[in-house]
Amino acid sequence: MKLTVSVFLSVILCLGFKDAAAQRKKLINYTELSALIHGSTSLTGNAEINGFRTRTGVSKLIDENFGFGFALGTDNFKNASGRTYNTLPITLNASYFFNPELSGLKADIYGGYAVRLFNNLNKGITAGAGLSYSFPVNAGLNLGIQTGYNYQKIDYPVSFVLENSFSINSIRLGLGITFK
């Protein structure tokens, strides 16, 4: 009888540790809408370019504070003369949550390839870093505000009239939803 109770308690204890470990290693989904406010560009005359960005991504918690994942989105830039640059970024992301409950302050970095959406450019790369602060709505949902730096490089075909490539450095301001 004592052996059965000991085995039963051992199994319960092991399952409890397994569930605790599984909770720390769960998937998080986030979606973001942001304005990309002009910082600088390498175009002649430092033409002002503003933009709009969307992202949706999935991250896996490696431990209770650190997550690693990927995201897909759109970056839409427009200059003062009406010329647009649209890309479909595919990025790898790393996030550090200062609070293990996944609310409050978070730091993130990302980088990846930006596929062209239309025929006005070849391709690009994108990278950035930021800070966000999220507020819990319920046990599975946070709403947050974000800011950070966004880098975008645009490559043109050699036959294009503008320079063959240029970069855009922007400040990101946005709103996000995190499903945990």
N, C-alpha and C. Protein backbone atom coordinates (compact mmCIF):
# COMPACT_ATOMS: atom_id res chain seq x y z
N MET A 1 0.83 -1.21 0.00
CA MET A 1 0.00 0.00 0.00
C MET A 1 0.87 1.26 0.00
N LYS A 2 1.92 1.28 0.85
CA LYS A 2 2.81 2.44 0.91
C LYS A 2 3.51 2.65 -0.43
N LEU A 3 3.88 1.55 -1.10
CA LEU A 3 4.53 1.65 -2.40
C LEU A 3 3.58 2.27 -3.42
N THR A 4 2.30 1.86 -3.41
CA THR A 4 1.31 2.41 -4.32
C THR A 4 1.10 3.90 -4.09
N VAL A 5 1.03 4.31 -2.83
CA VAL A 5 0.87 5.73 -2.50
C VAL A 5 2.10 6.51 -2.95
N SER A 6 3.29 5.96 -2.73
CA SER A 6 4.53 6.62 -3.14
C SER A 6 4.60 6.78 -4.65
N VAL A 7 4.25 5.73 -5.39
CA VAL A 7 4.24 5.80 -6.86
C VAL A 7 3.20 6.81 -7.32
N PHE A 8 2.01 6.79 -6.74
CA PHE A 8 0.95 7.73 -7.10
C PHE A 8 1.41 9.17 -6.86
N LEU A 9 2.00 9.45 -5.69
CA LEU A 9 2.48 10.81 -5.40
C LEU A 9 3.62 11.20 -6.33
N SER A 10 4.49 10.28 -6.67
CA SER A 10 5.59 10.57 -7.60
C SER A 10 5.06 10.93 -8.98
N VAL A 11 4.06 10.19 -9.45
CA VAL A 11 3.46 10.47 -10.76
C VAL A 11 2.80 11.84 -10.76
N ILE A 12 2.04 12.15 -9.72
CA ILE A 12 1.38 13.45 -9.61
C ILE A 12 2.42 14.57 -9.59
N LEU A 13 3.50 14.38 -8.83
CA LEU A 13 4.56 15.38 -8.75
C LEU A 13 5.22 15.59 -10.11
N CYS A 14 5.52 14.50 -10.82
CA CYS A 14 6.14 14.60 -12.15
C CYS A 14 5.21 15.30 -13.14
N LEU A 15 3.94 14.96 -13.12
CA LEU A 15 2.98 15.62 -14.02
C LEU A 15 2.87 17.11 -13.72
N GLY A 16 2.94 17.47 -12.43
CA GLY A 16 2.90 18.89 -12.06
C GLY A 16 4.09 19.64 -12.62
N PHE A 17 5.30 19.06 -12.55
CA PHE A 17 6.49 19.71 -13.11
C PHE A 17 6.40 19.78 -14.62
N LYS A 18 5.85 18.73 -15.25
CA LYS A 18 5.70 18.73 -16.70
C LYS A 18 4.76 19.85 -17.14
N ASP A 19 3.62 20.02 -16.43
CA ASP A 19 2.67 21.08 -16.78
C ASP A 19 3.28 22.45 -16.58
N ALA A 20 4.07 22.64 -15.52
CA ALA A 20 4.72 23.93 -15.28
C ALA A 20 5.71 24.23 -16.40
N ALA A 21 6.46 23.22 -16.83
CA ALA A 21 7.41 23.43 -17.93
C ALA A 21 6.68 23.71 -19.23
N ALA A 22 5.56 23.04 -19.48
CA ALA A 22 4.79 23.26 -20.71
C ALA A 22 4.21 24.67 -20.75
N GLN A 23 3.79 25.20 -19.60
CA GLN A 23 3.25 26.56 -19.58
C GLN A 23 4.32 27.58 -19.96
N ARG A 24 5.55 27.37 -19.55
CA ARG A 24 6.63 28.30 -19.88
C ARG A 24 7.02 28.21 -21.34
N LYS A 25 6.80 27.09 -21.98
CA LYS A 25 7.25 26.89 -23.35
C LYS A 25 6.10 26.95 -24.34
N LYS A 26 5.13 27.80 -24.10
CA LYS A 26 3.97 27.88 -24.96
C LYS A 26 4.18 28.85 -26.12
N LEU A 27 3.25 28.82 -27.06
CA LEU A 27 3.29 29.71 -28.22
C LEU A 27 2.51 30.98 -27.92
N ILE A 28 3.01 32.09 -28.45
CA ILE A 28 2.37 33.39 -28.32
C ILE A 28 2.12 33.92 -29.73
N ASN A 29 0.94 34.44 -29.98
CA ASN A 29 0.63 35.06 -31.26
C ASN A 29 0.44 36.55 -31.03
N TYR A 30 1.00 37.38 -31.92
CA TYR A 30 0.79 38.81 -31.80
C TYR A 30 0.48 39.41 -33.17
N THR A 31 -0.26 40.50 -33.15
CA THR A 31 -0.60 41.25 -34.35
C THR A 31 -0.38 42.72 -34.03
N GLU A 32 0.14 43.46 -35.00
CA GLU A 32 0.52 44.86 -34.77
C GLU A 32 0.15 45.71 -35.98
N LEU A 33 -0.28 46.94 -35.73
CA LEU A 33 -0.48 47.98 -36.73
C LEU A 33 0.36 49.17 -36.29
N SER A 34 1.22 49.68 -37.19
CA SER A 34 2.12 50.76 -36.80
C SER A 34 2.26 51.80 -37.90
N ALA A 35 2.52 53.02 -37.48
CA ALA A 35 2.92 54.09 -38.39
C ALA A 35 4.45 54.10 -38.42
N LEU A 36 5.02 54.29 -39.60
CA LEU A 36 6.47 54.42 -39.76
C LEU A 36 6.75 55.88 -40.08
N ILE A 37 7.23 56.59 -39.10
CA ILE A 37 7.43 58.03 -39.20
C ILE A 37 8.84 58.30 -39.70
N HIS A 38 8.94 59.21 -40.67
CA HIS A 38 10.21 59.49 -41.34
C HIS A 38 11.33 59.82 -40.36
N GLY A 39 12.44 59.17 -40.56
CA GLY A 39 13.65 59.51 -39.83
C GLY A 39 14.67 60.03 -40.82
N SER A 40 15.07 59.20 -41.78
CA SER A 40 15.99 59.62 -42.84
C SER A 40 15.98 58.57 -43.94
N THR A 41 16.45 58.97 -45.11
CA THR A 41 16.56 58.06 -46.24
C THR A 41 17.85 58.37 -46.98
N SER A 42 18.37 57.39 -47.68
CA SER A 42 19.59 57.60 -48.44
C SER A 42 19.32 58.13 -49.85
N LEU A 43 18.06 58.43 -50.18
CA LEU A 43 17.75 59.03 -51.49
C LEU A 43 18.34 60.43 -51.59
N THR A 44 18.64 60.85 -52.80
CA THR A 44 19.16 62.19 -53.03
C THR A 44 18.20 63.22 -52.45
N GLY A 45 18.71 64.16 -51.67
CA GLY A 45 17.88 65.18 -51.06
C GLY A 45 17.17 64.72 -49.80
N ASN A 46 17.42 63.50 -49.35
CA ASN A 46 16.81 62.96 -48.13
C ASN A 46 15.29 63.14 -48.16
N ALA A 47 14.67 62.67 -49.27
CA ALA A 47 13.23 62.81 -49.46
C ALA A 47 12.46 62.21 -48.29
N GLU A 48 11.40 62.91 -47.87
CA GLU A 48 10.59 62.44 -46.75
C GLU A 48 9.71 61.28 -47.19
N ILE A 49 9.81 60.18 -46.46
CA ILE A 49 9.00 58.99 -46.74
C ILE A 49 8.38 58.55 -45.42
N ASN A 50 7.06 58.39 -45.42
CA ASN A 50 6.35 57.86 -44.26
C ASN A 50 5.72 56.54 -44.66
N GLY A 51 5.31 55.77 -43.68
CA GLY A 51 4.78 54.46 -44.03
C GLY A 51 3.80 53.92 -43.02
N PHE A 52 3.30 52.75 -43.37
CA PHE A 52 2.36 52.01 -42.53
C PHE A 52 2.82 50.57 -42.52
N ARG A 53 2.73 49.93 -41.39
CA ARG A 53 3.25 48.57 -41.24
C ARG A 53 2.22 47.69 -40.54
N THR A 54 2.11 46.45 -40.99
CA THR A 54 1.32 45.44 -40.30
C THR A 54 2.22 44.24 -40.05
N ARG A 55 1.97 43.53 -38.96
CA ARG A 55 2.71 42.30 -38.66
C ARG A 55 1.79 41.34 -37.92
N THR A 56 1.97 40.09 -38.19
CA THR A 56 1.40 39.05 -37.36
C THR A 56 2.46 37.97 -37.24
N GLY A 57 2.63 37.47 -36.04
CA GLY A 57 3.71 36.52 -35.82
C GLY A 57 3.41 35.54 -34.72
N VAL A 58 4.27 34.53 -34.66
CA VAL A 58 4.19 33.50 -33.64
C VAL A 58 5.56 33.37 -33.00
N SER A 59 5.58 33.34 -31.68
CA SER A 59 6.83 33.15 -30.93
C SER A 59 6.65 32.00 -29.94
N LYS A 60 7.69 31.26 -29.75
CA LYS A 60 7.69 30.19 -28.75
C LYS A 60 8.53 30.65 -27.58
N LEU A 61 8.00 30.53 -26.38
CA LEU A 61 8.76 30.88 -25.20
C LEU A 61 9.83 29.83 -24.96
N ILE A 62 11.08 30.25 -24.94
CA ILE A 62 12.20 29.36 -24.67
C ILE A 62 12.35 29.17 -23.16
N ASP A 63 12.17 30.24 -22.42
CA ASP A 63 12.05 30.18 -20.96
C ASP A 63 10.95 31.16 -20.57
N GLU A 64 10.80 31.49 -19.32
CA GLU A 64 9.66 32.32 -18.92
C GLU A 64 9.76 33.78 -19.37
N ASN A 65 10.94 34.22 -19.82
CA ASN A 65 11.08 35.61 -20.25
C ASN A 65 11.47 35.78 -21.72
N PHE A 66 12.02 34.77 -22.36
CA PHE A 66 12.57 34.91 -23.70
C PHE A 66 11.78 34.11 -24.71
N GLY A 67 11.42 34.78 -25.84
CA GLY A 67 10.70 34.11 -26.92
C GLY A 67 11.42 34.29 -28.24
N PHE A 68 11.27 33.30 -29.13
CA PHE A 68 11.88 33.33 -30.46
C PHE A 68 10.84 32.87 -31.46
N GLY A 69 10.72 33.57 -32.61
CA GLY A 69 9.71 33.18 -33.58
C GLY A 69 9.89 33.84 -34.93
N PHE A 70 8.81 33.88 -35.70
CA PHE A 70 8.83 34.49 -37.02
C PHE A 70 7.55 35.30 -37.21
N ALA A 71 7.60 36.21 -38.21
CA ALA A 71 6.43 37.05 -38.49
C ALA A 71 6.32 37.30 -39.99
N LEU A 72 5.13 37.64 -40.41
CA LEU A 72 4.82 38.00 -41.78
C LEU A 72 4.03 39.29 -41.72
N GLY A 73 4.27 40.20 -42.67
CA GLY A 73 3.55 41.47 -42.63
C GLY A 73 3.64 42.23 -43.93
N THR A 74 3.32 43.50 -43.85
CA THR A 74 3.46 44.41 -44.99
C THR A 74 4.12 45.70 -44.51
N ASP A 75 4.95 46.27 -45.35
CA ASP A 75 5.50 47.60 -45.14
C ASP A 75 5.12 48.42 -46.37
N ASN A 76 4.42 49.52 -46.16
CA ASN A 76 3.94 50.37 -47.25
C ASN A 76 4.48 51.77 -47.03
N PHE A 77 5.37 52.20 -47.91
CA PHE A 77 5.99 53.52 -47.82
C PHE A 77 5.48 54.40 -48.94
N LYS A 78 5.37 55.71 -48.66
CA LYS A 78 4.94 56.68 -49.67
C LYS A 78 5.72 57.96 -49.48
N ASN A 79 6.26 58.51 -50.59
CA ASN A 79 6.98 59.79 -50.47
C ASN A 79 6.05 60.95 -50.82
N ALA A 80 6.55 62.17 -50.69
CA ALA A 80 5.73 63.37 -50.88
C ALA A 80 5.18 63.48 -52.31
N SER A 81 5.88 62.92 -53.31
CA SER A 81 5.40 63.00 -54.69
C SER A 81 4.40 61.90 -55.03
N GLY A 82 4.07 61.03 -54.06
CA GLY A 82 3.08 59.99 -54.28
C GLY A 82 3.65 58.63 -54.67
N ARG A 83 4.95 58.53 -54.85
CA ARG A 83 5.58 57.25 -55.20
C ARG A 83 5.48 56.29 -54.00
N THR A 84 5.12 55.03 -54.26
CA THR A 84 4.96 54.06 -53.18
C THR A 84 5.97 52.92 -53.31
N TYR A 85 6.32 52.33 -52.17
CA TYR A 85 7.22 51.18 -52.09
C TYR A 85 6.54 50.20 -51.14
N ASN A 86 6.17 49.03 -51.65
CA ASN A 86 5.42 48.05 -50.86
C ASN A 86 6.17 46.73 -50.81
N THR A 87 6.38 46.23 -49.60
CA THR A 87 7.07 44.96 -49.44
C THR A 87 6.29 44.05 -48.51
N LEU A 88 6.62 42.77 -48.57
CA LEU A 88 6.03 41.73 -47.73
C LEU A 88 7.17 41.12 -46.90
N PRO A 89 7.49 41.70 -45.73
CA PRO A 89 8.61 41.19 -44.93
C PRO A 89 8.31 39.84 -44.26
N ILE A 90 9.30 38.99 -44.28
CA ILE A 90 9.29 37.72 -43.56
C ILE A 90 10.48 37.79 -42.61
N THR A 91 10.21 37.81 -41.30
CA THR A 91 11.28 38.08 -40.33
C THR A 91 11.39 37.01 -39.26
N LEU A 92 12.59 36.93 -38.70
CA LEU A 92 12.84 36.18 -37.47
C LEU A 92 12.84 37.19 -36.34
N ASN A 93 12.25 36.83 -35.20
CA ASN A 93 12.08 37.77 -34.09
C ASN A 93 12.59 37.15 -32.79
N ALA A 94 13.12 37.99 -31.93
CA ALA A 94 13.46 37.59 -30.57
C ALA A 94 12.86 38.62 -29.63
N SER A 95 12.25 38.15 -28.54
CA SER A 95 11.60 39.04 -27.57
C SER A 95 12.04 38.69 -26.16
N TYR A 96 12.18 39.73 -25.36
CA TYR A 96 12.46 39.53 -23.94
C TYR A 96 11.35 40.19 -23.14
N PHE A 97 10.61 39.40 -22.37
CA PHE A 97 9.52 39.88 -21.53
C PHE A 97 10.09 40.12 -20.13
N PHE A 98 10.03 41.35 -19.65
CA PHE A 98 10.55 41.67 -18.33
C PHE A 98 9.71 41.04 -17.22
N ASN A 99 8.43 40.76 -17.51
CA ASN A 99 7.51 40.14 -16.57
C ASN A 99 7.16 38.74 -17.08
N PRO A 100 7.39 37.69 -16.30
CA PRO A 100 7.06 36.33 -16.77
C PRO A 100 5.58 36.12 -17.07
N GLU A 101 4.71 37.02 -16.60
CA GLU A 101 3.27 36.92 -16.91
C GLU A 101 2.97 37.46 -18.31
N LEU A 102 4.00 37.92 -19.04
CA LEU A 102 3.92 38.41 -20.42
C LEU A 102 3.17 39.73 -20.57
N SER A 103 3.00 40.47 -19.50
CA SER A 103 2.44 41.82 -19.58
C SER A 103 3.52 42.79 -19.12
N GLY A 104 3.28 44.07 -19.32
CA GLY A 104 4.28 45.06 -18.95
C GLY A 104 5.27 45.29 -20.07
N LEU A 105 6.51 45.57 -19.71
CA LEU A 105 7.55 45.96 -20.66
C LEU A 105 8.14 44.75 -21.40
N LYS A 106 8.36 44.93 -22.73
CA LYS A 106 8.96 43.91 -23.58
C LYS A 106 9.93 44.58 -24.54
N ALA A 107 11.10 43.97 -24.75
CA ALA A 107 12.07 44.42 -25.75
C ALA A 107 12.10 43.39 -26.87
N ASP A 108 12.25 43.86 -28.12
CA ASP A 108 12.29 42.91 -29.24
C ASP A 108 13.26 43.37 -30.31
N ILE A 109 13.77 42.41 -31.07
CA ILE A 109 14.58 42.67 -32.26
C ILE A 109 14.06 41.76 -33.37
N TYR A 110 14.26 42.18 -34.62
CA TYR A 110 13.82 41.37 -35.75
C TYR A 110 14.66 41.68 -36.97
N GLY A 111 14.64 40.80 -37.91
CA GLY A 111 15.34 41.00 -39.17
C GLY A 111 14.90 39.96 -40.17
N GLY A 112 14.93 40.33 -41.46
CA GLY A 112 14.53 39.37 -42.47
C GLY A 112 14.52 39.94 -43.87
N TYR A 113 13.92 39.19 -44.75
CA TYR A 113 13.85 39.50 -46.17
C TYR A 113 12.50 40.14 -46.48
N ALA A 114 12.51 41.15 -47.33
CA ALA A 114 11.28 41.84 -47.71
C ALA A 114 11.01 41.58 -49.20
N VAL A 115 10.05 40.73 -49.47
CA VAL A 115 9.67 40.38 -50.84
C VAL A 115 8.91 41.55 -51.46
N ARG A 116 9.15 41.83 -52.73
CA ARG A 116 8.40 42.91 -53.39
C ARG A 116 6.95 42.50 -53.58
N LEU A 117 6.05 43.48 -53.53
CA LEU A 117 4.64 43.23 -53.79
C LEU A 117 4.24 43.61 -55.20
N PHE A 118 4.87 44.64 -55.75
CA PHE A 118 4.53 45.10 -57.09
C PHE A 118 5.80 45.22 -57.92
N ASN A 119 5.70 45.69 -59.14
CA ASN A 119 6.84 45.71 -60.06
C ASN A 119 7.76 46.92 -59.91
N ASN A 120 7.57 47.77 -58.90
CA ASN A 120 8.38 48.98 -58.83
C ASN A 120 9.70 48.79 -58.08
N LEU A 121 10.04 47.58 -57.64
CA LEU A 121 11.32 47.32 -57.01
C LEU A 121 11.62 45.83 -57.09
N ASN A 122 12.87 45.47 -56.82
CA ASN A 122 13.27 44.06 -56.84
C ASN A 122 12.97 43.37 -55.53
N LYS A 123 13.58 43.83 -54.47
CA LYS A 123 13.47 43.18 -53.17
C LYS A 123 14.02 44.12 -52.11
N GLY A 124 14.09 43.67 -50.90
CA GLY A 124 14.68 44.47 -49.85
C GLY A 124 14.97 43.63 -48.63
N ILE A 125 15.56 44.26 -47.66
CA ILE A 125 15.74 43.62 -46.37
C ILE A 125 15.14 44.54 -45.31
N THR A 126 14.81 43.99 -44.18
CA THR A 126 14.24 44.78 -43.11
C THR A 126 14.82 44.32 -41.78
N ALA A 127 14.94 45.25 -40.85
CA ALA A 127 15.45 44.94 -39.52
C ALA A 127 14.98 46.02 -38.56
N GLY A 128 15.04 45.75 -37.28
CA GLY A 128 14.66 46.76 -36.32
C GLY A 128 14.70 46.24 -34.89
N ALA A 129 14.38 47.15 -34.00
CA ALA A 129 14.32 46.84 -32.57
C ALA A 129 13.29 47.76 -31.95
N GLY A 130 12.75 47.36 -30.80
CA GLY A 130 11.75 48.20 -30.18
C GLY A 130 11.45 47.82 -28.75
N LEU A 131 10.60 48.65 -28.16
CA LEU A 131 10.07 48.44 -26.83
C LEU A 131 8.55 48.52 -26.91
N SER A 132 7.89 47.71 -26.10
CA SER A 132 6.44 47.80 -26.02
C SER A 132 6.01 47.62 -24.58
N TYR A 133 4.81 48.09 -24.30
CA TYR A 133 4.23 47.92 -22.98
C TYR A 133 2.82 47.41 -23.18
N SER A 134 2.50 46.28 -22.56
CA SER A 134 1.18 45.69 -22.75
C SER A 134 0.40 45.62 -21.44
N PHE A 135 -0.91 45.72 -21.60
CA PHE A 135 -1.85 45.70 -20.49
C PHE A 135 -2.71 44.44 -20.62
N PRO A 136 -2.82 43.63 -19.57
CA PRO A 136 -3.66 42.43 -19.67
C PRO A 136 -5.14 42.79 -19.74
N VAL A 137 -5.85 42.18 -20.68
CA VAL A 137 -7.28 42.34 -20.80
C VAL A 137 -7.97 41.18 -20.08
N ASN A 138 -7.45 39.97 -20.31
CA ASN A 138 -7.89 38.78 -19.59
C ASN A 138 -6.71 37.80 -19.57
N ALA A 139 -6.92 36.58 -19.13
CA ALA A 139 -5.82 35.62 -18.97
C ALA A 139 -5.13 35.28 -20.29
N GLY A 140 -5.80 35.44 -21.41
CA GLY A 140 -5.21 35.06 -22.69
C GLY A 140 -4.97 36.19 -23.66
N LEU A 141 -5.17 37.47 -23.26
CA LEU A 141 -5.09 38.58 -24.20
C LEU A 141 -4.47 39.81 -23.55
N ASN A 142 -3.52 40.42 -24.27
CA ASN A 142 -2.91 41.70 -23.86
C ASN A 142 -3.10 42.71 -24.99
N LEU A 143 -3.28 43.97 -24.64
CA LEU A 143 -3.24 45.09 -25.58
C LEU A 143 -2.00 45.90 -25.27
N GLY A 144 -1.31 46.37 -26.31
CA GLY A 144 -0.08 47.08 -26.05
C GLY A 144 0.18 48.25 -26.97
N ILE A 145 1.11 49.10 -26.54
CA ILE A 145 1.62 50.21 -27.34
C ILE A 145 3.09 49.93 -27.60
N GLN A 146 3.59 50.39 -28.77
CA GLN A 146 4.95 50.04 -29.19
C GLN A 146 5.66 51.22 -29.80
N THR A 147 6.96 51.21 -29.67
CA THR A 147 7.80 52.16 -30.37
C THR A 147 9.12 51.47 -30.69
N GLY A 148 9.82 51.97 -31.66
CA GLY A 148 11.10 51.37 -32.01
C GLY A 148 11.66 51.92 -33.30
N TYR A 149 12.72 51.31 -33.74
CA TYR A 149 13.44 51.69 -34.95
C TYR A 149 13.15 50.66 -36.03
N ASN A 150 12.90 51.10 -37.26
CA ASN A 150 12.67 50.22 -38.40
C ASN A 150 13.60 50.60 -39.53
N TYR A 151 14.34 49.63 -40.06
CA TYR A 151 15.24 49.83 -41.20
C TYR A 151 14.70 49.04 -42.38
N GLN A 152 14.66 49.67 -43.54
CA GLN A 152 14.22 49.00 -44.77
C GLN A 152 15.18 49.37 -45.89
N LYS A 153 15.70 48.37 -46.59
CA LYS A 153 16.53 48.62 -47.77
C LYS A 153 15.74 48.17 -48.99
N ILE A 154 15.68 49.03 -50.00
CA ILE A 154 14.94 48.76 -51.23
C ILE A 154 15.97 48.64 -52.36
N ASP A 155 15.92 47.56 -53.12
CA ASP A 155 16.79 47.35 -54.29
C ASP A 155 15.97 47.46 -55.56
N TYR A 156 16.48 48.24 -56.53
CA TYR A 156 15.83 48.42 -57.82
C TYR A 156 16.55 47.64 -58.90
N PRO A 157 15.87 47.37 -60.01
CA PRO A 157 16.57 46.82 -61.17
C PRO A 157 17.58 47.85 -61.68
N VAL A 158 18.66 47.40 -62.31
CA VAL A 158 19.70 48.30 -62.80
C VAL A 158 19.14 49.29 -63.83
N SER A 159 18.14 48.91 -64.60
CA SER A 159 17.57 49.78 -65.65
C SER A 159 16.66 50.87 -65.09
N PHE A 160 16.40 50.89 -63.78
CA PHE A 160 15.48 51.86 -63.21
C PHE A 160 16.12 53.23 -63.15
N VAL A 161 15.34 54.32 -63.26
CA VAL A 161 15.85 55.68 -63.32
C VAL A 161 16.49 56.11 -61.99
N LEU A 162 15.88 55.75 -60.85
CA LEU A 162 16.42 56.13 -59.55
C LEU A 162 17.68 55.34 -59.24
N GLU A 163 18.32 55.67 -58.11
CA GLU A 163 19.46 54.89 -57.67
C GLU A 163 19.08 53.41 -57.62
N ASN A 164 20.08 52.53 -57.73
CA ASN A 164 19.78 51.09 -57.73
C ASN A 164 19.29 50.59 -56.39
N SER A 165 19.59 51.29 -55.32
CA SER A 165 19.06 50.90 -54.01
C SER A 165 19.09 52.11 -53.09
N PHE A 166 18.26 52.05 -52.06
CA PHE A 166 18.28 53.09 -51.04
C PHE A 166 17.74 52.50 -49.75
N SER A 167 17.96 53.18 -48.67
CA SER A 167 17.48 52.70 -47.37
C SER A 167 16.57 53.73 -46.73
N ILE A 168 15.66 53.24 -45.89
CA ILE A 168 14.73 54.08 -45.15
C ILE A 168 14.89 53.75 -43.67
N ASN A 169 15.15 54.76 -42.86
CA ASN A 169 15.23 54.61 -41.41
C ASN A 169 14.02 55.30 -40.81
N SER A 170 13.20 54.57 -40.08
CA SER A 170 11.95 55.11 -39.56
C SER A 170 11.80 54.82 -38.07
N ILE A 171 10.98 55.65 -37.43
CA ILE A 171 10.56 55.39 -36.06
C ILE A 171 9.19 54.71 -36.14
N ARG A 172 9.02 53.64 -35.40
CA ARG A 172 7.78 52.86 -35.41
C ARG A 172 6.95 53.23 -34.18
N LEU A 173 5.69 53.59 -34.41
CA LEU A 173 4.71 53.84 -33.34
C LEU A 173 3.48 53.01 -33.65
N GLY A 174 3.07 52.15 -32.71
CA GLY A 174 1.96 51.28 -33.05
C GLY A 174 1.19 50.73 -31.87
N LEU A 175 0.16 49.96 -32.24
CA LEU A 175 -0.70 49.26 -31.29
C LEU A 175 -0.62 47.78 -31.61
N GLY A 176 -0.68 46.96 -30.56
CA GLY A 176 -0.60 45.52 -30.78
C GLY A 176 -1.53 44.73 -29.89
N ILE A 177 -1.80 43.52 -30.32
CA ILE A 177 -2.60 42.55 -29.56
C ILE A 177 -1.76 41.29 -29.42
N THR A 178 -1.67 40.77 -28.21
CA THR A 178 -0.92 39.54 -27.96
C THR A 178 -1.88 38.49 -27.41
N PHE A 179 -1.90 37.34 -28.06
CA PHE A 179 -2.68 36.19 -27.59
C PHE A 179 -1.71 35.23 -26.94
N LYS A 180 -1.91 34.95 -25.67
CA LYS A 180 -0.98 34.08 -24.95
C LYS A 180 -1.64 32.84 -24.43
